[in-house]
Amino acid sequence: MDHYDPQQTNDYMQPEEDWDRDLLLDPAWEKQQRKTFTAWCNSHLRKAGTQIENIEEDFRDGLKLMLLLEVISGERLAKPERGKMRVHKISNVNKALDFIASKGVKLVSIGAEEIVDGNVKMTLGMIWTIILRFAIQDISVEETSAKEGLLLWCQRKTAPYKNVNIQNFHISWKDGLGFCALIHRHRPELIDYGKLRKDDPLTNLNTAFDVAEKYLDIPKMLDAEDIVGTARPDEKAIMTYVSSFYHAFSGAQKAETAANRICKVLAVNQENEQLMEDYEKLASDLLEWIRRTIPWLENRAPENTMQAMQQKLEDFRDYRRLHKPPKVQEKCQLEINFNTLQTKLRLSNRPAFMPSEGKMVSDINNAWGGLEQAEKGYEEWLLNEIRRLERLDHLAEKFRQKASIHESWTDGKEAMLQQKDYETATLSEIKALLKKHEAFESDLAAHQDRVEQIAAIAQELNELDYYDSPSVNARCQKICDQWDNLGALTQKRREALERTEKLLETIDQLYLEYAKRAAPFNNWMEGAMEDLQDTFIVHTIEEIQVRQLVPRRDQALMEEHARQQQNERLRKQFGAQANVIGPWIQTKMEEIGRISIEMHGTLEDQLNHLRQYEKSIVNYKPKIDQLEGDHQQIQEALIFDNKHTNYTMEHIRVGWEQLLTTIARTINEVENQILTRDAKGISQEQMNEFRASFNHFDRDHSGTLGPEEFKACLISLGYDIGNDAQKKTGMMDCEDFRACLISMGYNMGEAEFARIMSIVDPNRLGVVTFQAFIDFMSRETADTDTADQVMASFKILAGDKNYITVDELRRELPPDQAEYCIARMAPYHGRDAVPGALDYMSFSTALYGESDL
């Protein structure tokens, strides 16, 4: 209610003091007052779910009278008496009259007994007094009020209309054009004023009254015939009716303003809720992806072949180049969305957003750390496995080569040792066979080392878990068994040859003479054999095979030399690029850090500068891709070291991801600072002051302050929280700051400081960002809506009721916001509740986090 001036009311009410002396109501006027006052009372009582039928009868017990006063005043009256006796009724009416008197209204000759007795004149007089005080008294137009103010308002609103000349509240309204003009002025779509005729008052009045009832929620208080059929309509009835138009149209403006406020608040809430839903979904999706990916990275099941392991390495490369980078961007965007949301919540006077359990930014960072740890271990395992398989392939090939050579050498040896050729041999042949057997024994002893090498290689293959160890073991066992058999057969043949030699020596004596005579022939034969043998370079098949292997080995060495030259070229190529890209990334990181903490130009200048940096960084991506291609060639060539650079591909990847994340975060921080500055009216000078203080205590240039750094920064800005009370005293110079630190010894009130930290670090990360810092420093200057203001706006839309209905929400608000409220408002359970009533009060407090929505 506006400020109430009792003298003003008394001045206006003075003529009514003669009510009982000269107001013997004209029957026509009494009829008009009965009808008008009844309709006016019901227009308010319906808000409480009741009405009256007979004005002098229904107020006699004082209950509905007290209820009427509560509805129109918005205040509680004393508890009514519920008894049926006259004394109870008089008590209730007196409570109503006392309440009217408490509003500065002087009641003349109106007593509780007359009302209880059903005195028509006194009852109508009392209702008129109530109408004056609560419907007309507060009307104020151009420094005039009450009746004069209402008349002036009518004149101003109807001035442009022909045939309308409002000079009073009786005959000026008889033709109905005044009512129609008021409606057309405010709602031109409801009446076609150009078709109205002054000589058709019944049509005009009925049109106005019907439209007002249907579209303006103004009950029909008079019949057209009551006005037309009376020489001078009742002034009080007309004033009451016209005041309803005034309140309807002025209320419409208030309702529009209230609806706009509510729409703005709901839009902020809907946007924030959408951001919360987006965060929750993005967080859930990212955590689910991490949950699915970590087991894959932790799977250490080895493959049997180099080809299969190379495929695993290729899959891992695809993961790092194709699958993970979008997730890095999602994680960065998640943090940006979270920070932007928290900024918007702070700026709109809402509590900080607390994600669902397990979905905090810190939870996601922890899960991400686990992912990267598993990723690092997986890559190390892959490379070690590839080295192992490379070693195994080399050993297996070596085993096969040595086994093949040995098996080729032993081929036919068992059959040779089992021959009975000595049984038919001569003594000389026996001796030759012995010589040959001795040579074989020497060769057999020489091959002992190869057999041991074969066994050692097989053992190593077993120790390294070679997948084909069973076949290797079987082949090795066969070679060893054969070797043992060869040894046994060799010994057996020697014994047989030596026995035969002794036998033939005796026989040889008999042929001695013959042999001497055959000497010339033997000499010729030996010469011939020598000649035949001299035509060949070598004398054995083994020597020929060795001569053939030498050029093959030379070719293999040349191929390996070429491969190593290519590997060295790849190393140098990768190293040259990595040595440029690595420092470039580091330089960009440092430059971004400087831009974000320096105070050159406005925040918009910093933002433009950062966006230019972002563009240059994105344009650098092809160089990263080229380096990835070189790295792939290096891995495919099984190169595991590079003396030409200290940067690995993983170093470059991590640095690149951090660079993209840092520039995106920094841009978001500046955007949020601009939001805060504009919302809270912070000047550039204030922003520079805040930044300078923040930078001074950010000694490690991390972009955040620890609790003690933040505390010192607050002191430097003059925040005295030593006694658990905070007050802004201004900026200190260095000496004042030093004296303050010494005098206070950093001994601030722990409770107050804990409260401040809960504001600037709601997620308990142990650090304070610059964004949180400026939010705190400027928190008291924000022009934001409050729960009380929103509640008051709903009250206007509800027609001053303590609840609002679904129809009222849908009538006053846009469809999506009306349904938003309907879905979230709890039922209203007050004593004045009606079916379908909704509790806008608890809803308003819930919007600002003061209760659950």
Foldseek 3Di string as FASTA:
>chain_A
DPDADLVVQCVVCVVCLCLVPPCPDDPLQLVLLQLLLQLLLQLQCVLLPDGDDGQLAPCLQLPSLLVSCCRLVVDHFPDADPDDDNVSSQVNVVSSVVVLVVSSHDDHPQHSVCSNVSPSSSSSSVSLSVCQSRLFQPQADPNDGGQVSLQVVLCVQQVVPPPQDRDAQWPSCLQLLSLVSLCCSQPVVQDPSVPDDSVRSQVNNVSSQVSCVPPQVRHRRDHSCSRNVDPIHNRSSSSSSSSSSVCSRVLVVLLQVLQVQLVVLLVLLVVLVVLLVVLQVLLVVLLVVLVVVLVVLQDLDADQALVVLVVVVVVLLCCLPPVVLVSLVSLLVSVLSQVLSQLSCLLQLFDRDDHDPQRDNVSSVVSVVSSVVSSVVSVVSSLVSSVLNVVLVVLVVVLVVLLVVLCVVCVCLLVVLPDPVLVPDALVVLVVVLVVLVVVVVVLVVCVVSLVVSVVSLVVCVVSPNVPSVVSVVSNVVSVVVSVVSVVSSVVSNVVSVVSNVVNVVVVVVCVVVVVVCVVVVVVVVVVVVVVVVVDPDDDPVVVVVVVVVVVVVVVVVVVVVLVVVLLVLLQVLLVLCVVLLVVLVVLLVVLLCLLLDLPDFLVVSLVVLVVSLVVLVVCVVSLVVSSVSLSVNVVSSPDDHPSHPDDNVSSSVSSSVSNSSSSSSSSLSVSVVVVCVQQVPDSVNVVVLSVLLVVLVVVSPQKHALLSVLLSCVQQPFQQQPPDTDGDGHDDPVVSVVSCVVSVSNGDPVSSVVLCCQQPVVPPRIGHSSSVVSSVRSVRGDHDALVSSCVSVCSLQSNRQWRALVSLPVSHPVVSSVVCLVPFDADDDSSHDPRTTHVSVVSCCSRPNDPD
